[in-house]
ModelCIF file with pLDDT and N, C-alpha, C, O atoms, coordinates in Angstrom:
data_MODEL
#
_entry.id   MODEL 
#
_entity.id                         1 
_entity.type                       polymer 
_entity.pdbx_number_of_molecules   1 
#
_entity_poly.entity_id                      1 
_entity_poly.type                           'polypeptide(L)' 
_entity_poly.nstd_linkage                   no 
_entity_poly.nstd_monomer                   no 
_entity_poly.pdbx_seq_one_letter_code       ADVFVHNMRLGAAQRLGLGYETLSERNPRLIYAC 
_entity_poly.pdbx_seq_one_letter_code_can   ADVFVHNMRLGAAQRLGLGYETLSERNPRLIYAC 
_entity_poly.pdbx_strand_id                 A 
#
loop_
_entity_poly_seq.entity_id 
_entity_poly_seq.num 
_entity_poly_seq.mon_id 
_entity_poly_seq.hetero 
1 1  ALA n 
1 2  ASP n 
1 3  VAL n 
1 4  PHE n 
1 5  VAL n 
1 6  HIS n 
1 7  ASN n 
1 8  MET n 
1 9  ARG n 
1 10 LEU n 
1 11 GLY n 
1 12 ALA n 
1 13 ALA n 
1 14 GLN n 
1 15 ARG n 
1 16 LEU n 
1 17 GLY n 
1 18 LEU n 
1 19 GLY n 
1 20 TYR n 
1 21 GLU n 
1 22 THR n 
1 23 LEU n 
1 24 SER n 
1 25 GLU n 
1 26 ARG n 
1 27 ASN n 
1 28 PRO n 
1 29 ARG n 
1 30 LEU n 
1 31 ILE n 
1 32 TYR n 
1 33 ALA n 
1 34 CYS n 
#
_struct_asym.id          A 
_struct_asym.entity_id   1 
#
loop_
_ma_qa_metric.id 
_ma_qa_metric.mode 
_ma_qa_metric.name 
_ma_qa_metric.software_group_id 
_ma_qa_metric.type 
1 global pLDDT . pLDDT 
2 local  pLDDT . pLDDT 
#
_ma_qa_metric_global.metric_id      1 
_ma_qa_metric_global.metric_value   97.26 
_ma_qa_metric_global.model_id       1 
_ma_qa_metric_global.ordinal_id     1 
#
loop_
_ma_qa_metric_local.label_asym_id 
_ma_qa_metric_local.label_comp_id 
_ma_qa_metric_local.label_seq_id 
_ma_qa_metric_local.metric_id 
_ma_qa_metric_local.metric_value 
_ma_qa_metric_local.model_id 
_ma_qa_metric_local.ordinal_id 
A ALA 1  2 98.00 1 1  
A ASP 2  2 98.00 1 2  
A VAL 3  2 98.00 1 3  
A PHE 4  2 98.00 1 4  
A VAL 5  2 98.00 1 5  
A HIS 6  2 98.00 1 6  
A ASN 7  2 97.00 1 7  
A MET 8  2 96.00 1 8  
A ARG 9  2 95.00 1 9  
A LEU 10 2 95.00 1 10 
A GLY 11 2 95.00 1 11 
A ALA 12 2 95.00 1 12 
A ALA 13 2 97.00 1 13 
A GLN 14 2 96.00 1 14 
A ARG 15 2 96.00 1 15 
A LEU 16 2 96.00 1 16 
A GLY 17 2 97.00 1 17 
A LEU 18 2 98.00 1 18 
A GLY 19 2 97.00 1 19 
A TYR 20 2 98.00 1 20 
A GLU 21 2 98.00 1 21 
A THR 22 2 98.00 1 22 
A LEU 23 2 98.00 1 23 
A SER 24 2 98.00 1 24 
A GLU 25 2 98.00 1 25 
A ARG 26 2 97.00 1 26 
A ASN 27 2 98.00 1 27 
A PRO 28 2 98.00 1 28 
A ARG 29 2 98.00 1 29 
A LEU 30 2 98.00 1 30 
A ILE 31 2 98.00 1 31 
A TYR 32 2 98.00 1 32 
A ALA 33 2 98.00 1 33 
A CYS 34 2 98.00 1 34 
#
loop_
_atom_site.group_PDB 
_atom_site.id 
_atom_site.type_symbol 
_atom_site.label_atom_id 
_atom_site.label_alt_id 
_atom_site.label_comp_id 
_atom_site.label_asym_id 
_atom_site.label_entity_id 
_atom_site.label_seq_id 
_atom_site.pdbx_PDB_ins_code 
_atom_site.Cartn_x 
_atom_site.Cartn_y 
_atom_site.Cartn_z 
_atom_site.occupancy 
_atom_site.B_iso_or_equiv 
_atom_site.pdbx_formal_charge 
_atom_site.auth_seq_id 
_atom_site.auth_comp_id 
_atom_site.auth_asym_id 
_atom_site.auth_atom_id 
_atom_site.pdbx_PDB_model_num 
ATOM 1   N N  . ALA A 1 1  ? 73.410 242.048 68.900 1.00 98.00 ? 1  ALA A N  1 
ATOM 2   C CA . ALA A 1 1  ? 72.201 241.449 69.470 1.00 98.00 ? 1  ALA A CA 1 
ATOM 3   C C  . ALA A 1 1  ? 72.477 240.700 70.765 1.00 98.00 ? 1  ALA A C  1 
ATOM 4   O O  . ALA A 1 1  ? 73.616 240.349 71.077 1.00 98.00 ? 1  ALA A O  1 
ATOM 5   N N  . ASP A 1 2  ? 71.418 240.471 71.497 1.00 98.00 ? 2  ASP A N  1 
ATOM 6   C CA . ASP A 1 2  ? 71.451 239.619 72.688 1.00 98.00 ? 2  ASP A CA 1 
ATOM 7   C C  . ASP A 1 2  ? 70.933 238.221 72.388 1.00 98.00 ? 2  ASP A C  1 
ATOM 8   O O  . ASP A 1 2  ? 71.391 237.239 72.972 1.00 98.00 ? 2  ASP A O  1 
ATOM 9   N N  . VAL A 1 3  ? 69.968 238.140 71.466 1.00 98.00 ? 3  VAL A N  1 
ATOM 10  C CA . VAL A 1 3  ? 69.284 236.869 71.182 1.00 98.00 ? 3  VAL A CA 1 
ATOM 11  C C  . VAL A 1 3  ? 69.152 236.709 69.675 1.00 98.00 ? 3  VAL A C  1 
ATOM 12  O O  . VAL A 1 3  ? 68.853 237.666 68.962 1.00 98.00 ? 3  VAL A O  1 
ATOM 13  N N  . PHE A 1 4  ? 69.376 235.492 69.200 1.00 98.00 ? 4  PHE A N  1 
ATOM 14  C CA . PHE A 1 4  ? 69.083 235.103 67.818 1.00 98.00 ? 4  PHE A CA 1 
ATOM 15  C C  . PHE A 1 4  ? 68.143 233.912 67.901 1.00 98.00 ? 4  PHE A C  1 
ATOM 16  O O  . PHE A 1 4  ? 68.430 232.944 68.604 1.00 98.00 ? 4  PHE A O  1 
ATOM 17  N N  . VAL A 1 5  ? 67.027 233.974 67.192 1.00 98.00 ? 5  VAL A N  1 
ATOM 18  C CA . VAL A 1 5  ? 66.062 232.879 67.282 1.00 98.00 ? 5  VAL A CA 1 
ATOM 19  C C  . VAL A 1 5  ? 65.591 232.487 65.886 1.00 98.00 ? 5  VAL A C  1 
ATOM 20  O O  . VAL A 1 5  ? 65.314 233.348 65.051 1.00 98.00 ? 5  VAL A O  1 
ATOM 21  N N  . HIS A 1 6  ? 65.502 231.174 65.640 1.00 98.00 ? 6  HIS A N  1 
ATOM 22  C CA . HIS A 1 6  ? 64.977 230.681 64.362 1.00 98.00 ? 6  HIS A CA 1 
ATOM 23  C C  . HIS A 1 6  ? 64.213 229.385 64.605 1.00 98.00 ? 6  HIS A C  1 
ATOM 24  O O  . HIS A 1 6  ? 64.377 228.732 65.635 1.00 98.00 ? 6  HIS A O  1 
ATOM 25  N N  . ASN A 1 7  ? 63.371 229.026 63.630 1.00 97.00 ? 7  ASN A N  1 
ATOM 26  C CA . ASN A 1 7  ? 62.688 227.730 63.676 1.00 97.00 ? 7  ASN A CA 1 
ATOM 27  C C  . ASN A 1 7  ? 62.826 226.987 62.356 1.00 97.00 ? 7  ASN A C  1 
ATOM 28  O O  . ASN A 1 7  ? 61.916 226.283 61.917 1.00 97.00 ? 7  ASN A O  1 
ATOM 29  N N  . MET A 1 8  ? 63.984 227.162 61.735 1.00 96.00 ? 8  MET A N  1 
ATOM 30  C CA . MET A 1 8  ? 64.328 226.387 60.544 1.00 96.00 ? 8  MET A CA 1 
ATOM 31  C C  . MET A 1 8  ? 64.730 224.963 60.944 1.00 96.00 ? 8  MET A C  1 
ATOM 32  O O  . MET A 1 8  ? 65.005 224.682 62.111 1.00 96.00 ? 8  MET A O  1 
ATOM 33  N N  . ARG A 1 9  ? 64.755 224.086 59.957 1.00 95.00 ? 9  ARG A N  1 
ATOM 34  C CA . ARG A 1 9  ? 65.395 222.792 60.192 1.00 95.00 ? 9  ARG A CA 1 
ATOM 35  C C  . ARG A 1 9  ? 66.876 223.047 60.460 1.00 95.00 ? 9  ARG A C  1 
ATOM 36  O O  . ARG A 1 9  ? 67.473 223.961 59.892 1.00 95.00 ? 9  ARG A O  1 
ATOM 37  N N  . LEU A 1 10 ? 67.451 222.236 61.323 1.00 95.00 ? 10 LEU A N  1 
ATOM 38  C CA . LEU A 1 10 ? 68.816 222.502 61.763 1.00 95.00 ? 10 LEU A CA 1 
ATOM 39  C C  . LEU A 1 10 ? 69.808 222.453 60.607 1.00 95.00 ? 10 LEU A C  1 
ATOM 40  O O  . LEU A 1 10 ? 70.740 223.255 60.554 1.00 95.00 ? 10 LEU A O  1 
ATOM 41  N N  . GLY A 1 11 ? 69.613 221.522 59.688 1.00 95.00 ? 11 GLY A N  1 
ATOM 42  C CA . GLY A 1 11 ? 70.503 221.439 58.545 1.00 95.00 ? 11 GLY A CA 1 
ATOM 43  C C  . GLY A 1 11 ? 70.410 222.663 57.649 1.00 95.00 ? 11 GLY A C  1 
ATOM 44  O O  . GLY A 1 11 ? 71.418 223.126 57.114 1.00 95.00 ? 11 GLY A O  1 
ATOM 45  N N  . ALA A 1 12 ? 69.199 223.188 57.487 1.00 95.00 ? 12 ALA A N  1 
ATOM 46  C CA . ALA A 1 12 ? 69.015 224.384 56.662 1.00 95.00 ? 12 ALA A CA 1 
ATOM 47  C C  . ALA A 1 12 ? 69.735 225.579 57.270 1.00 95.00 ? 12 ALA A C  1 
ATOM 48  O O  . ALA A 1 12 ? 70.350 226.369 56.553 1.00 95.00 ? 12 ALA A O  1 
ATOM 49  N N  . ALA A 1 13 ? 69.661 225.713 58.598 1.00 97.00 ? 13 ALA A N  1 
ATOM 50  C CA . ALA A 1 13 ? 70.364 226.809 59.266 1.00 97.00 ? 13 ALA A CA 1 
ATOM 51  C C  . ALA A 1 13 ? 71.876 226.700 59.051 1.00 97.00 ? 13 ALA A C  1 
ATOM 52  O O  . ALA A 1 13 ? 72.553 227.703 58.825 1.00 97.00 ? 13 ALA A O  1 
ATOM 53  N N  . GLN A 1 14 ? 72.387 225.490 59.123 1.00 96.00 ? 14 GLN A N  1 
ATOM 54  C CA . GLN A 1 14 ? 73.826 225.292 58.908 1.00 96.00 ? 14 GLN A CA 1 
ATOM 55  C C  . GLN A 1 14 ? 74.217 225.663 57.481 1.00 96.00 ? 14 GLN A C  1 
ATOM 56  O O  . GLN A 1 14 ? 75.239 226.313 57.262 1.00 96.00 ? 14 GLN A O  1 
ATOM 57  N N  . ARG A 1 15 ? 73.402 225.250 56.514 1.00 96.00 ? 15 ARG A N  1 
ATOM 58  C CA . ARG A 1 15 ? 73.726 225.531 55.110 1.00 96.00 ? 15 ARG A CA 1 
ATOM 59  C C  . ARG A 1 15 ? 73.712 227.027 54.812 1.00 96.00 ? 15 ARG A C  1 
ATOM 60  O O  . ARG A 1 15 ? 74.433 227.494 53.930 1.00 96.00 ? 15 ARG A O  1 
ATOM 61  N N  . LEU A 1 16 ? 72.893 227.776 55.545 1.00 96.00 ? 16 LEU A N  1 
ATOM 62  C CA . LEU A 1 16 ? 72.835 229.226 55.372 1.00 96.00 ? 16 LEU A CA 1 
ATOM 63  C C  . LEU A 1 16 ? 73.942 229.948 56.140 1.00 96.00 ? 16 LEU A C  1 
ATOM 64  O O  . LEU A 1 16 ? 74.063 231.170 56.060 1.00 96.00 ? 16 LEU A O  1 
ATOM 65  N N  . GLY A 1 17 ? 74.741 229.197 56.877 1.00 97.00 ? 17 GLY A N  1 
ATOM 66  C CA . GLY A 1 17 ? 75.775 229.826 57.691 1.00 97.00 ? 17 GLY A CA 1 
ATOM 67  C C  . GLY A 1 17 ? 75.223 230.454 58.950 1.00 97.00 ? 17 GLY A C  1 
ATOM 68  O O  . GLY A 1 17 ? 75.768 231.436 59.455 1.00 97.00 ? 17 GLY A O  1 
ATOM 69  N N  . LEU A 1 18 ? 74.124 229.883 59.465 1.00 98.00 ? 18 LEU A N  1 
ATOM 70  C CA . LEU A 1 18 ? 73.457 230.440 60.641 1.00 98.00 ? 18 LEU A CA 1 
ATOM 71  C C  . LEU A 1 18 ? 73.463 229.475 61.817 1.00 98.00 ? 18 LEU A C  1 
ATOM 72  O O  . LEU A 1 18 ? 72.593 229.552 62.684 1.00 98.00 ? 18 LEU A O  1 
ATOM 73  N N  . GLY A 1 19 ? 74.432 228.569 61.856 1.00 97.00 ? 19 GLY A N  1 
ATOM 74  C CA . GLY A 1 19 ? 74.559 227.669 62.999 1.00 97.00 ? 19 GLY A CA 1 
ATOM 75  C C  . GLY A 1 19 ? 75.125 228.395 64.208 1.00 97.00 ? 19 GLY A C  1 
ATOM 76  O O  . GLY A 1 19 ? 75.663 229.497 64.098 1.00 97.00 ? 19 GLY A O  1 
ATOM 77  N N  . TYR A 1 20 ? 74.995 227.762 65.354 1.00 98.00 ? 20 TYR A N  1 
ATOM 78  C CA . TYR A 1 20 ? 75.458 228.379 66.605 1.00 98.00 ? 20 TYR A CA 1 
ATOM 79  C C  . TYR A 1 20 ? 76.951 228.661 66.579 1.00 98.00 ? 20 TYR A C  1 
ATOM 80  O O  . TYR A 1 20 ? 77.385 229.727 67.015 1.00 98.00 ? 20 TYR A O  1 
ATOM 81  N N  . GLU A 1 21 ? 77.736 227.730 66.078 1.00 98.00 ? 21 GLU A N  1 
ATOM 82  C CA . GLU A 1 21 ? 79.182 227.910 66.083 1.00 98.00 ? 21 GLU A CA 1 
ATOM 83  C C  . GLU A 1 21 ? 79.578 229.153 65.291 1.00 98.00 ? 21 GLU A C  1 
ATOM 84  O O  . GLU A 1 21 ? 80.453 229.914 65.706 1.00 98.00 ? 21 GLU A O  1 
ATOM 85  N N  . THR A 1 22 ? 78.930 229.349 64.154 1.00 98.00 ? 22 THR A N  1 
ATOM 86  C CA . THR A 1 22 ? 79.251 230.504 63.315 1.00 98.00 ? 22 THR A CA 1 
ATOM 87  C C  . THR A 1 22 ? 78.876 231.815 63.995 1.00 98.00 ? 22 THR A C  1 
ATOM 88  O O  . THR A 1 22 ? 79.679 232.747 64.047 1.00 98.00 ? 22 THR A O  1 
ATOM 89  N N  . LEU A 1 23 ? 77.646 231.884 64.520 1.00 98.00 ? 23 LEU A N  1 
ATOM 90  C CA . LEU A 1 23 ? 77.163 233.146 65.086 1.00 98.00 ? 23 LEU A CA 1 
ATOM 91  C C  . LEU A 1 23 ? 77.810 233.451 66.431 1.00 98.00 ? 23 LEU A C  1 
ATOM 92  O O  . LEU A 1 23 ? 78.033 234.617 66.755 1.00 98.00 ? 23 LEU A O  1 
ATOM 93  N N  . SER A 1 24 ? 78.111 232.429 67.214 1.00 98.00 ? 24 SER A N  1 
ATOM 94  C CA . SER A 1 24 ? 78.730 232.691 68.517 1.00 98.00 ? 24 SER A CA 1 
ATOM 95  C C  . SER A 1 24 ? 80.170 233.181 68.366 1.00 98.00 ? 24 SER A C  1 
ATOM 96  O O  . SER A 1 24 ? 80.693 233.840 69.265 1.00 98.00 ? 24 SER A O  1 
ATOM 97  N N  . GLU A 1 25 ? 80.812 232.870 67.244 1.00 98.00 ? 25 GLU A N  1 
ATOM 98  C CA . GLU A 1 25 ? 82.127 233.439 66.984 1.00 98.00 ? 25 GLU A CA 1 
ATOM 99  C C  . GLU A 1 25 ? 82.041 234.953 66.798 1.00 98.00 ? 25 GLU A C  1 
ATOM 100 O O  . GLU A 1 25 ? 82.938 235.697 67.197 1.00 98.00 ? 25 GLU A O  1 
ATOM 101 N N  . ARG A 1 26 ? 80.938 235.393 66.180 1.00 97.00 ? 26 ARG A N  1 
ATOM 102 C CA . ARG A 1 26 ? 80.747 236.824 65.991 1.00 97.00 ? 26 ARG A CA 1 
ATOM 103 C C  . ARG A 1 26 ? 80.308 237.513 67.278 1.00 97.00 ? 26 ARG A C  1 
ATOM 104 O O  . ARG A 1 26 ? 80.546 238.707 67.462 1.00 97.00 ? 26 ARG A O  1 
ATOM 105 N N  . ASN A 1 27 ? 79.668 236.760 68.163 1.00 98.00 ? 27 ASN A N  1 
ATOM 106 C CA . ASN A 1 27 ? 79.131 237.347 69.401 1.00 98.00 ? 27 ASN A CA 1 
ATOM 107 C C  . ASN A 1 27 ? 79.072 236.264 70.475 1.00 98.00 ? 27 ASN A C  1 
ATOM 108 O O  . ASN A 1 27 ? 78.063 235.567 70.581 1.00 98.00 ? 27 ASN A O  1 
ATOM 109 N N  . PRO A 1 28 ? 80.131 236.106 71.273 1.00 98.00 ? 28 PRO A N  1 
ATOM 110 C CA . PRO A 1 28 ? 80.168 235.032 72.282 1.00 98.00 ? 28 PRO A CA 1 
ATOM 111 C C  . PRO A 1 28 ? 79.083 235.154 73.352 1.00 98.00 ? 28 PRO A C  1 
ATOM 112 O O  . PRO A 1 28 ? 78.749 234.160 73.996 1.00 98.00 ? 28 PRO A O  1 
ATOM 113 N N  . ARG A 1 29 ? 78.525 236.353 73.555 1.00 98.00 ? 29 ARG A N  1 
ATOM 114 C CA . ARG A 1 29 ? 77.477 236.540 74.557 1.00 98.00 ? 29 ARG A CA 1 
ATOM 115 C C  . ARG A 1 29 ? 76.079 236.233 74.012 1.00 98.00 ? 29 ARG A C  1 
ATOM 116 O O  . ARG A 1 29 ? 75.086 236.391 74.723 1.00 98.00 ? 29 ARG A O  1 
ATOM 117 N N  . LEU A 1 30 ? 76.005 235.805 72.778 1.00 98.00 ? 30 LEU A N  1 
ATOM 118 C CA . LEU A 1 30 ? 74.724 235.600 72.121 1.00 98.00 ? 30 LEU A CA 1 
ATOM 119 C C  . LEU A 1 30 ? 73.956 234.421 72.725 1.00 98.00 ? 30 LEU A C  1 
ATOM 120 O O  . LEU A 1 30 ? 74.521 233.355 72.970 1.00 98.00 ? 30 LEU A O  1 
ATOM 121 N N  . ILE A 1 31 ? 72.660 234.635 72.960 1.00 98.00 ? 31 ILE A N  1 
ATOM 122 C CA . ILE A 1 31 ? 71.739 233.534 73.264 1.00 98.00 ? 31 ILE A CA 1 
ATOM 123 C C  . ILE A 1 31 ? 71.158 233.085 71.936 1.00 98.00 ? 31 ILE A C  1 
ATOM 124 O O  . ILE A 1 31 ? 70.392 233.814 71.305 1.00 98.00 ? 31 ILE A O  1 
ATOM 125 N N  . TYR A 1 32 ? 71.523 231.887 71.516 1.00 98.00 ? 32 TYR A N  1 
ATOM 126 C CA . TYR A 1 32 ? 71.104 231.330 70.222 1.00 98.00 ? 32 TYR A CA 1 
ATOM 127 C C  . TYR A 1 32 ? 70.002 230.311 70.508 1.00 98.00 ? 32 TYR A C  1 
ATOM 128 O O  . TYR A 1 32 ? 70.246 229.288 71.147 1.00 98.00 ? 32 TYR A O  1 
ATOM 129 N N  . ALA A 1 33 ? 68.796 230.595 70.032 1.00 98.00 ? 33 ALA A N  1 
ATOM 130 C CA . ALA A 1 33 ? 67.648 229.747 70.384 1.00 98.00 ? 33 ALA A CA 1 
ATOM 131 C C  . ALA A 1 33 ? 66.962 229.242 69.124 1.00 98.00 ? 33 ALA A C  1 
ATOM 132 O O  . ALA A 1 33 ? 66.693 230.009 68.199 1.00 98.00 ? 33 ALA A O  1 
ATOM 133 N N  . CYS A 1 34 ? 66.685 227.960 69.096 1.00 98.00 ? 34 CYS A N  1 
ATOM 134 C CA . CYS A 1 34 ? 65.975 227.394 67.946 1.00 98.00 ? 34 CYS A CA 1 
ATOM 135 C C  . CYS A 1 34 ? 65.061 226.264 68.412 1.00 98.00 ? 34 CYS A C  1 
ATOM 136 O O  . CYS A 1 34 ? 64.371 225.652 67.596 1.00 98.00 ? 34 CYS A O  1 
#
């Protein structure tokens, strides 16, 4: 992907393993937007 976007509470995203640090490791070019 080029973009990942969510509107969860930030803590909920982290608990699901969907924080920026986690996803950017899989794709450093990712635009992570919340």
